[in-house]
Amino acid sequence: MPLFSRKPRLLPLPVPALDDHAPTDTLYSFAVQTIYEMGYREAFEPRAHDVADLIVGEVLALVRIDVAPDDEPYLRQLLTSAAQIGAGIGLVERRGGRRIDEQLVDRDIEGALRAAVNELPEMPPEQARVARFLLRSGHYVARTGPESIPLVLAGLST
């Protein structure tokens, strides 16, 4: 068995849906951890903020979340951060130089997304679903462009 794979190991990449469950298995490797760290750093860059700005307001206008008024600004910041981290991973993926197929994702990128989901703080199930959706949506929009936003928002109704 060769030490390095010559072909990317691709997995299906569905459009994000609100009913997604947190993955139970991990795809941990050095490459996964590296991509996660690079995506996390990229999340602080203006392009990741732009992606989050495009989707967070739209999603929160369409999804009702029970939250105390005092906690609402903190929850919004947490959800925005989730979208930025997803976008950061998507931007790292785009910068990787490979042609991106909208329906497939490299196994290491998927592993980085799962690592990011696993790093989300404990929260009520409904809030966690929205956070996972925004993280995945940030990734999807960053890798495919803003024209995919209507498709992503359609995932709210599934």
N, C-alpha and C. Protein backbone atom coordinates (compact mmCIF):
# COMPACT_ATOMS: atom_id res chain seq x y z
N MET A 1 0.85 -1.18 0.00
CA MET A 1 0.00 0.00 0.00
C MET A 1 0.89 1.24 0.00
N PRO A 2 0.67 2.16 -0.93
CA PRO A 2 1.51 3.35 -0.98
C PRO A 2 1.27 4.25 0.23
N LEU A 3 2.30 4.96 0.60
CA LEU A 3 2.22 5.85 1.74
C LEU A 3 1.27 7.01 1.48
N PHE A 4 1.28 7.54 0.27
CA PHE A 4 0.42 8.67 -0.08
C PHE A 4 -0.54 8.26 -1.18
N SER A 5 -1.77 8.61 -1.01
CA SER A 5 -2.79 8.32 -2.02
C SER A 5 -2.56 9.22 -3.22
N ARG A 6 -2.69 8.67 -4.40
CA ARG A 6 -2.51 9.45 -5.62
C ARG A 6 -3.80 10.13 -6.05
N LYS A 7 -4.93 9.65 -5.59
CA LYS A 7 -6.22 10.23 -5.95
C LYS A 7 -6.91 10.73 -4.68
N PRO A 8 -7.61 11.83 -4.79
CA PRO A 8 -8.36 12.28 -3.61
C PRO A 8 -9.45 11.27 -3.29
N ARG A 9 -9.65 11.05 -2.02
CA ARG A 9 -10.71 10.16 -1.59
C ARG A 9 -11.95 11.01 -1.43
N LEU A 10 -12.88 10.85 -2.31
CA LEU A 10 -14.05 11.72 -2.36
C LEU A 10 -15.26 11.07 -1.69
N LEU A 11 -16.04 11.91 -1.04
CA LEU A 11 -17.28 11.51 -0.39
C LEU A 11 -18.41 12.35 -0.96
N PRO A 12 -19.64 11.86 -0.89
CA PRO A 12 -20.77 12.68 -1.34
C PRO A 12 -20.89 13.94 -0.48
N LEU A 13 -21.25 15.04 -1.10
CA LEU A 13 -21.48 16.29 -0.38
C LEU A 13 -22.90 16.76 -0.65
N PRO A 14 -23.82 16.43 0.24
CA PRO A 14 -25.18 16.92 0.04
C PRO A 14 -25.27 18.41 0.36
N VAL A 15 -26.27 19.05 -0.20
CA VAL A 15 -26.57 20.43 0.18
C VAL A 15 -26.94 20.41 1.66
N PRO A 16 -26.46 21.35 2.48
CA PRO A 16 -26.80 21.33 3.90
C PRO A 16 -28.31 21.32 4.14
N ALA A 17 -28.72 20.58 5.15
CA ALA A 17 -30.13 20.52 5.53
C ALA A 17 -30.23 20.73 7.04
N LEU A 18 -31.29 21.36 7.46
CA LEU A 18 -31.47 21.68 8.88
C LEU A 18 -31.61 20.42 9.72
N ASP A 19 -32.11 19.34 9.14
CA ASP A 19 -32.32 18.13 9.93
C ASP A 19 -31.08 17.24 10.02
N ASP A 20 -29.94 17.72 9.56
CA ASP A 20 -28.72 16.93 9.67
C ASP A 20 -28.41 16.64 11.13
N HIS A 21 -27.90 15.44 11.36
CA HIS A 21 -27.48 15.06 12.71
C HIS A 21 -25.96 15.21 12.80
N ALA A 22 -25.50 15.37 14.01
CA ALA A 22 -24.05 15.45 14.20
C ALA A 22 -23.44 14.10 13.82
N PRO A 23 -22.33 14.11 13.11
CA PRO A 23 -21.71 12.83 12.75
C PRO A 23 -21.22 12.11 14.00
N THR A 24 -21.40 10.81 14.01
CA THR A 24 -20.97 10.04 15.17
C THR A 24 -19.54 9.54 15.01
N ASP A 25 -19.09 9.40 13.79
CA ASP A 25 -17.72 8.95 13.57
C ASP A 25 -16.84 10.12 13.18
N THR A 26 -15.56 9.96 13.40
CA THR A 26 -14.62 11.01 13.05
C THR A 26 -13.70 10.50 11.95
N LEU A 27 -13.10 11.40 11.27
CA LEU A 27 -12.14 11.08 10.21
C LEU A 27 -10.81 11.73 10.57
N TYR A 28 -10.32 11.46 11.76
CA TYR A 28 -9.16 12.17 12.26
C TYR A 28 -7.87 11.71 11.58
N SER A 29 -7.06 12.68 11.20
CA SER A 29 -5.72 12.43 10.68
C SER A 29 -4.95 13.74 10.80
N PHE A 30 -3.68 13.68 10.52
CA PHE A 30 -2.88 14.90 10.54
C PHE A 30 -3.42 15.90 9.52
N ALA A 31 -3.78 15.41 8.32
CA ALA A 31 -4.31 16.29 7.28
C ALA A 31 -5.61 16.94 7.72
N VAL A 32 -6.48 16.17 8.35
CA VAL A 32 -7.76 16.71 8.84
C VAL A 32 -7.50 17.82 9.85
N GLN A 33 -6.63 17.56 10.81
CA GLN A 33 -6.34 18.55 11.84
C GLN A 33 -5.71 19.80 11.23
N THR A 34 -4.85 19.62 10.25
CA THR A 34 -4.21 20.76 9.58
C THR A 34 -5.24 21.61 8.84
N ILE A 35 -6.13 20.96 8.10
CA ILE A 35 -7.17 21.69 7.37
C ILE A 35 -8.09 22.41 8.35
N TYR A 36 -8.44 21.75 9.45
CA TYR A 36 -9.28 22.39 10.46
C TYR A 36 -8.60 23.65 11.01
N GLU A 37 -7.33 23.53 11.35
CA GLU A 37 -6.60 24.69 11.89
C GLU A 37 -6.50 25.81 10.86
N MET A 38 -6.22 25.46 9.61
CA MET A 38 -6.14 26.48 8.56
C MET A 38 -7.50 27.14 8.34
N GLY A 39 -8.56 26.34 8.35
CA GLY A 39 -9.91 26.88 8.19
C GLY A 39 -10.30 27.79 9.34
N TYR A 40 -9.90 27.39 10.55
CA TYR A 40 -10.19 28.21 11.72
C TYR A 40 -9.50 29.57 11.60
N ARG A 41 -8.26 29.57 11.15
CA ARG A 41 -7.55 30.84 10.96
C ARG A 41 -8.19 31.67 9.84
N GLU A 42 -8.59 30.99 8.78
CA GLU A 42 -9.23 31.68 7.65
C GLU A 42 -10.57 32.29 8.06
N ALA A 43 -11.20 31.73 9.09
CA ALA A 43 -12.49 32.23 9.56
C ALA A 43 -12.42 33.68 10.04
N PHE A 44 -11.23 34.14 10.39
CA PHE A 44 -11.06 35.51 10.87
C PHE A 44 -10.81 36.51 9.74
N GLU A 45 -10.70 36.00 8.52
CA GLU A 45 -10.43 36.86 7.37
C GLU A 45 -11.73 37.44 6.81
N PRO A 46 -11.64 38.59 6.14
CA PRO A 46 -12.85 39.26 5.64
C PRO A 46 -13.72 38.39 4.72
N ARG A 47 -13.11 37.53 3.91
CA ARG A 47 -13.93 36.72 2.99
C ARG A 47 -14.84 35.76 3.75
N ALA A 48 -14.36 35.20 4.85
CA ALA A 48 -15.20 34.31 5.66
C ALA A 48 -16.30 35.11 6.34
N HIS A 49 -15.98 36.31 6.79
CA HIS A 49 -17.00 37.18 7.38
C HIS A 49 -18.06 37.52 6.35
N ASP A 50 -17.64 37.77 5.12
CA ASP A 50 -18.60 38.10 4.06
C ASP A 50 -19.58 36.96 3.82
N VAL A 51 -19.07 35.73 3.79
CA VAL A 51 -19.94 34.57 3.59
C VAL A 51 -20.93 34.46 4.74
N ALA A 52 -20.44 34.59 5.97
CA ALA A 52 -21.33 34.51 7.13
C ALA A 52 -22.38 35.61 7.09
N ASP A 53 -21.98 36.81 6.71
CA ASP A 53 -22.94 37.91 6.62
C ASP A 53 -24.04 37.63 5.59
N LEU A 54 -23.69 36.92 4.52
CA LEU A 54 -24.67 36.61 3.48
C LEU A 54 -25.71 35.60 3.94
N ILE A 55 -25.34 34.69 4.84
CA ILE A 55 -26.27 33.62 5.16
C ILE A 55 -26.90 33.68 6.55
N VAL A 56 -26.21 34.20 7.54
CA VAL A 56 -26.72 34.13 8.91
C VAL A 56 -28.05 34.87 9.06
N GLY A 57 -28.12 36.10 8.58
CA GLY A 57 -29.36 36.86 8.69
C GLY A 57 -30.52 36.18 7.99
N GLU A 58 -30.24 35.64 6.80
CA GLU A 58 -31.28 34.93 6.03
C GLU A 58 -31.79 33.71 6.81
N VAL A 59 -30.86 32.93 7.35
CA VAL A 59 -31.25 31.72 8.08
C VAL A 59 -32.03 32.08 9.34
N LEU A 60 -31.55 33.04 10.09
CA LEU A 60 -32.23 33.40 11.34
C LEU A 60 -33.60 34.02 11.09
N ALA A 61 -33.79 34.62 9.92
CA ALA A 61 -35.12 35.15 9.58
C ALA A 61 -36.10 34.02 9.25
N LEU A 62 -35.59 32.87 8.85
CA LEU A 62 -36.45 31.76 8.44
C LEU A 62 -36.61 30.68 9.50
N VAL A 63 -35.73 30.66 10.49
CA VAL A 63 -35.75 29.61 11.51
C VAL A 63 -36.08 30.25 12.86
N ARG A 64 -37.00 29.65 13.54
CA ARG A 64 -37.36 30.16 14.86
C ARG A 64 -36.60 29.37 15.92
N ILE A 65 -35.90 30.10 16.76
CA ILE A 65 -35.12 29.48 17.84
C ILE A 65 -35.60 30.08 19.15
N ASP A 66 -35.94 29.22 20.09
CA ASP A 66 -36.31 29.70 21.42
C ASP A 66 -35.05 30.07 22.19
N VAL A 67 -34.96 31.34 22.52
CA VAL A 67 -33.80 31.83 23.26
C VAL A 67 -34.25 33.03 24.09
N ALA A 68 -33.72 33.13 25.29
CA ALA A 68 -34.04 34.27 26.15
C ALA A 68 -33.52 35.54 25.50
N PRO A 69 -34.25 36.64 25.63
CA PRO A 69 -33.82 37.90 25.00
C PRO A 69 -32.39 38.31 25.39
N ASP A 70 -32.02 38.07 26.64
CA ASP A 70 -30.66 38.43 27.07
C ASP A 70 -29.59 37.58 26.40
N ASP A 71 -29.96 36.35 26.01
CA ASP A 71 -29.00 35.43 25.40
C ASP A 71 -28.93 35.56 23.88
N GLU A 72 -29.89 36.26 23.28
CA GLU A 72 -29.97 36.32 21.82
C GLU A 72 -28.70 36.86 21.15
N PRO A 73 -28.10 37.96 21.65
CA PRO A 73 -26.87 38.44 20.98
C PRO A 73 -25.73 37.42 21.05
N TYR A 74 -25.64 36.69 22.15
CA TYR A 74 -24.57 35.70 22.30
C TYR A 74 -24.80 34.51 21.37
N LEU A 75 -26.06 34.08 21.26
CA LEU A 75 -26.37 32.98 20.36
C LEU A 75 -26.10 33.39 18.91
N ARG A 76 -26.48 34.60 18.56
CA ARG A 76 -26.22 35.07 17.19
C ARG A 76 -24.72 35.09 16.90
N GLN A 77 -23.92 35.53 17.86
CA GLN A 77 -22.47 35.54 17.66
C GLN A 77 -21.93 34.13 17.51
N LEU A 78 -22.43 33.20 18.32
CA LEU A 78 -22.00 31.81 18.22
C LEU A 78 -22.36 31.23 16.85
N LEU A 79 -23.58 31.50 16.39
CA LEU A 79 -24.03 30.99 15.09
C LEU A 79 -23.23 31.62 13.95
N THR A 80 -22.92 32.90 14.09
CA THR A 80 -22.10 33.58 13.09
C THR A 80 -20.69 32.97 13.05
N SER A 81 -20.15 32.68 14.23
CA SER A 81 -18.82 32.05 14.29
C SER A 81 -18.83 30.68 13.63
N ALA A 82 -19.90 29.92 13.83
CA ALA A 82 -20.01 28.61 13.18
C ALA A 82 -19.99 28.76 11.66
N ALA A 83 -20.75 29.73 11.15
CA ALA A 83 -20.77 29.97 9.70
C ALA A 83 -19.39 30.41 9.20
N GLN A 84 -18.70 31.24 9.97
CA GLN A 84 -17.37 31.71 9.57
C GLN A 84 -16.37 30.56 9.54
N ILE A 85 -16.43 29.67 10.51
CA ILE A 85 -15.50 28.54 10.53
C ILE A 85 -15.77 27.62 9.34
N GLY A 86 -17.04 27.35 9.07
CA GLY A 86 -17.36 26.56 7.88
C GLY A 86 -16.86 27.24 6.62
N ALA A 87 -17.06 28.56 6.54
CA ALA A 87 -16.58 29.31 5.37
C ALA A 87 -15.06 29.25 5.29
N GLY A 88 -14.39 29.34 6.42
CA GLY A 88 -12.93 29.25 6.43
C GLY A 88 -12.44 27.93 5.85
N ILE A 89 -13.09 26.84 6.22
CA ILE A 89 -12.72 25.52 5.68
C ILE A 89 -13.00 25.48 4.18
N GLY A 90 -14.12 26.07 3.76
CA GLY A 90 -14.44 26.12 2.33
C GLY A 90 -13.43 26.93 1.54
N LEU A 91 -12.97 28.03 2.12
CA LEU A 91 -11.97 28.86 1.44
C LEU A 91 -10.63 28.14 1.34
N VAL A 92 -10.27 27.40 2.38
CA VAL A 92 -9.04 26.59 2.33
C VAL A 92 -9.17 25.54 1.23
N GLU A 93 -10.34 24.94 1.13
CA GLU A 93 -10.57 23.93 0.08
C GLU A 93 -10.43 24.54 -1.31
N ARG A 94 -11.01 25.71 -1.52
CA ARG A 94 -10.91 26.37 -2.83
C ARG A 94 -9.48 26.71 -3.18
N ARG A 95 -8.73 27.10 -2.18
CA ARG A 95 -7.34 27.49 -2.41
C ARG A 95 -6.46 26.27 -2.70
N GLY A 96 -6.97 25.08 -2.43
CA GLY A 96 -6.19 23.85 -2.61
C GLY A 96 -5.80 23.56 -4.04
N GLY A 97 -6.44 24.21 -5.00
CA GLY A 97 -6.03 24.07 -6.39
C GLY A 97 -6.72 22.97 -7.16
N ARG A 98 -7.47 22.11 -6.48
CA ARG A 98 -8.19 21.06 -7.20
C ARG A 98 -9.50 21.61 -7.74
N ARG A 99 -9.95 21.00 -8.83
CA ARG A 99 -11.27 21.34 -9.35
C ARG A 99 -12.31 20.86 -8.35
N ILE A 100 -13.24 21.72 -7.99
CA ILE A 100 -14.24 21.38 -6.99
C ILE A 100 -15.51 20.91 -7.66
N ASP A 101 -15.93 19.70 -7.32
CA ASP A 101 -17.20 19.15 -7.77
C ASP A 101 -18.22 19.47 -6.69
N GLU A 102 -19.33 20.12 -7.06
CA GLU A 102 -20.32 20.53 -6.06
C GLU A 102 -20.91 19.36 -5.29
N GLN A 103 -20.85 18.17 -5.84
CA GLN A 103 -21.50 17.03 -5.20
C GLN A 103 -20.53 16.11 -4.47
N LEU A 104 -19.25 16.44 -4.50
CA LEU A 104 -18.25 15.60 -3.84
C LEU A 104 -17.35 16.46 -2.96
N VAL A 105 -16.85 15.85 -1.91
CA VAL A 105 -15.93 16.55 -1.02
C VAL A 105 -14.80 15.59 -0.66
N ASP A 106 -13.60 16.11 -0.57
CA ASP A 106 -12.45 15.32 -0.16
C ASP A 106 -12.66 14.84 1.27
N ARG A 107 -12.23 13.61 1.54
CA ARG A 107 -12.40 13.00 2.86
C ARG A 107 -11.77 13.86 3.96
N ASP A 108 -10.63 14.48 3.70
CA ASP A 108 -9.98 15.30 4.72
C ASP A 108 -10.76 16.58 5.00
N ILE A 109 -11.39 17.15 3.97
CA ILE A 109 -12.23 18.34 4.18
C ILE A 109 -13.44 17.95 5.02
N GLU A 110 -14.07 16.83 4.69
CA GLU A 110 -15.20 16.35 5.49
C GLU A 110 -14.77 16.10 6.93
N GLY A 111 -13.59 15.55 7.11
CA GLY A 111 -13.07 15.34 8.46
C GLY A 111 -12.89 16.64 9.22
N ALA A 112 -12.41 17.68 8.53
CA ALA A 112 -12.25 18.99 9.17
C ALA A 112 -13.60 19.57 9.56
N LEU A 113 -14.61 19.39 8.70
CA LEU A 113 -15.96 19.87 9.04
C LEU A 113 -16.50 19.13 10.26
N ARG A 114 -16.27 17.83 10.32
CA ARG A 114 -16.72 17.06 11.48
C ARG A 114 -15.99 17.50 12.74
N ALA A 115 -14.70 17.78 12.62
CA ALA A 115 -13.95 18.27 13.77
C ALA A 115 -14.52 19.60 14.25
N ALA A 116 -14.88 20.47 13.32
CA ALA A 116 -15.47 21.76 13.69
C ALA A 116 -16.81 21.57 14.37
N VAL A 117 -17.63 20.66 13.87
CA VAL A 117 -18.93 20.37 14.51
C VAL A 117 -18.70 19.85 15.93
N ASN A 118 -17.71 18.98 16.09
CA ASN A 118 -17.43 18.42 17.42
C ASN A 118 -16.92 19.48 18.39
N GLU A 119 -16.38 20.57 17.88
CA GLU A 119 -15.87 21.65 18.74
C GLU A 119 -16.95 22.65 19.15
N LEU A 120 -18.13 22.55 18.57
CA LEU A 120 -19.20 23.47 18.96
C LEU A 120 -19.52 23.26 20.43
N PRO A 121 -19.83 24.33 21.16
CA PRO A 121 -20.15 24.17 22.58
C PRO A 121 -21.49 23.46 22.78
N GLU A 122 -21.69 22.94 23.98
CA GLU A 122 -22.97 22.33 24.33
C GLU A 122 -24.06 23.39 24.25
N MET A 123 -25.19 23.00 23.68
CA MET A 123 -26.33 23.91 23.58
C MET A 123 -27.58 23.06 23.39
N PRO A 124 -28.75 23.65 23.58
CA PRO A 124 -29.98 22.90 23.35
C PRO A 124 -30.02 22.33 21.93
N PRO A 125 -30.70 21.19 21.75
CA PRO A 125 -30.69 20.50 20.45
C PRO A 125 -31.10 21.39 19.27
N GLU A 126 -32.11 22.22 19.42
CA GLU A 126 -32.55 23.06 18.29
C GLU A 126 -31.47 24.07 17.91
N GLN A 127 -30.82 24.64 18.89
CA GLN A 127 -29.74 25.58 18.61
C GLN A 127 -28.55 24.85 17.97
N ALA A 128 -28.27 23.64 18.44
CA ALA A 128 -27.17 22.85 17.88
C ALA A 128 -27.44 22.51 16.41
N ARG A 129 -28.68 22.19 16.08
CA ARG A 129 -29.03 21.89 14.69
C ARG A 129 -28.77 23.10 13.79
N VAL A 130 -29.16 24.28 14.27
CA VAL A 130 -28.95 25.50 13.48
C VAL A 130 -27.46 25.81 13.36
N ALA A 131 -26.71 25.60 14.44
CA ALA A 131 -25.26 25.83 14.39
C ALA A 131 -24.59 24.89 13.39
N ARG A 132 -24.97 23.61 13.41
CA ARG A 132 -24.41 22.66 12.43
C ARG A 132 -24.80 23.06 11.01
N PHE A 133 -26.05 23.48 10.83
CA PHE A 133 -26.51 23.90 9.51
C PHE A 133 -25.70 25.09 9.01
N LEU A 134 -25.48 26.08 9.87
CA LEU A 134 -24.72 27.26 9.46
C LEU A 134 -23.26 26.94 9.19
N LEU A 135 -22.68 26.05 9.97
CA LEU A 135 -21.29 25.65 9.73
C LEU A 135 -21.18 24.99 8.35
N ARG A 136 -22.07 24.05 8.08
CA ARG A 136 -22.06 23.36 6.78
C ARG A 136 -22.42 24.32 5.64
N SER A 137 -23.35 25.23 5.91
CA SER A 137 -23.75 26.20 4.88
C SER A 137 -22.62 27.16 4.57
N GLY A 138 -21.91 27.62 5.60
CA GLY A 138 -20.77 28.49 5.37
C GLY A 138 -19.74 27.82 4.48
N HIS A 139 -19.48 26.55 4.73
CA HIS A 139 -18.55 25.79 3.89
C HIS A 139 -19.07 25.70 2.47
N TYR A 140 -20.33 25.33 2.32
CA TYR A 140 -20.91 25.12 0.99
C TYR A 140 -20.90 26.40 0.16
N VAL A 141 -21.30 27.51 0.77
CA VAL A 141 -21.34 28.78 0.04
C VAL A 141 -19.92 29.26 -0.28
N ALA A 142 -18.98 29.09 0.64
CA ALA A 142 -17.60 29.53 0.38
C ALA A 142 -16.98 28.73 -0.76
N ARG A 143 -17.32 27.46 -0.87
CA ARG A 143 -16.69 26.63 -1.92
C ARG A 143 -17.40 26.75 -3.25
N THR A 144 -18.71 27.08 -3.25
CA THR A 144 -19.46 27.11 -4.51
C THR A 144 -19.85 28.50 -4.96
N GLY A 145 -19.77 29.49 -4.06
CA GLY A 145 -20.09 30.86 -4.42
C GLY A 145 -21.48 31.28 -3.95
N PRO A 146 -21.71 32.60 -3.92
CA PRO A 146 -22.97 33.12 -3.39
C PRO A 146 -24.20 32.71 -4.19
N GLU A 147 -24.01 32.28 -5.44
CA GLU A 147 -25.17 31.84 -6.22
C GLU A 147 -25.80 30.58 -5.64
N SER A 148 -25.12 29.89 -4.73
CA SER A 148 -25.67 28.68 -4.12
C SER A 148 -26.53 28.98 -2.90
N ILE A 149 -26.63 30.24 -2.49
CA ILE A 149 -27.41 30.57 -1.29
C ILE A 149 -28.87 30.14 -1.39
N PRO A 150 -29.58 30.38 -2.51
CA PRO A 150 -30.97 29.90 -2.56
C PRO A 150 -31.08 28.39 -2.38
N LEU A 151 -30.14 27.65 -2.91
CA LEU A 151 -30.14 26.20 -2.75
C LEU A 151 -29.93 25.82 -1.29
N VAL A 152 -29.01 26.52 -0.63
CA VAL A 152 -28.75 26.27 0.79
C VAL A 152 -29.98 26.61 1.63
N LEU A 153 -30.61 27.74 1.35
CA LEU A 153 -31.79 28.14 2.11
C LEU A 153 -32.94 27.16 1.91
N ALA A 154 -32.98 26.51 0.76
CA ALA A 154 -34.01 25.49 0.53
C ALA A 154 -33.82 24.31 1.49
N GLY A 155 -32.60 24.11 1.99
CA GLY A 155 -32.34 23.06 2.96
C GLY A 155 -33.00 23.28 4.30
N LEU A 156 -33.51 24.48 4.52
CA LEU A 156 -34.22 24.76 5.77
C LEU A 156 -35.58 24.10 5.80
N SER A 157 -36.13 23.82 4.65
CA SER A 157 -37.48 23.26 4.61
C SER A 157 -37.49 21.74 4.57
N THR A 158 -36.32 21.11 4.53
CA THR A 158 -36.30 19.65 4.48
C THR A 158 -36.31 19.06 5.85
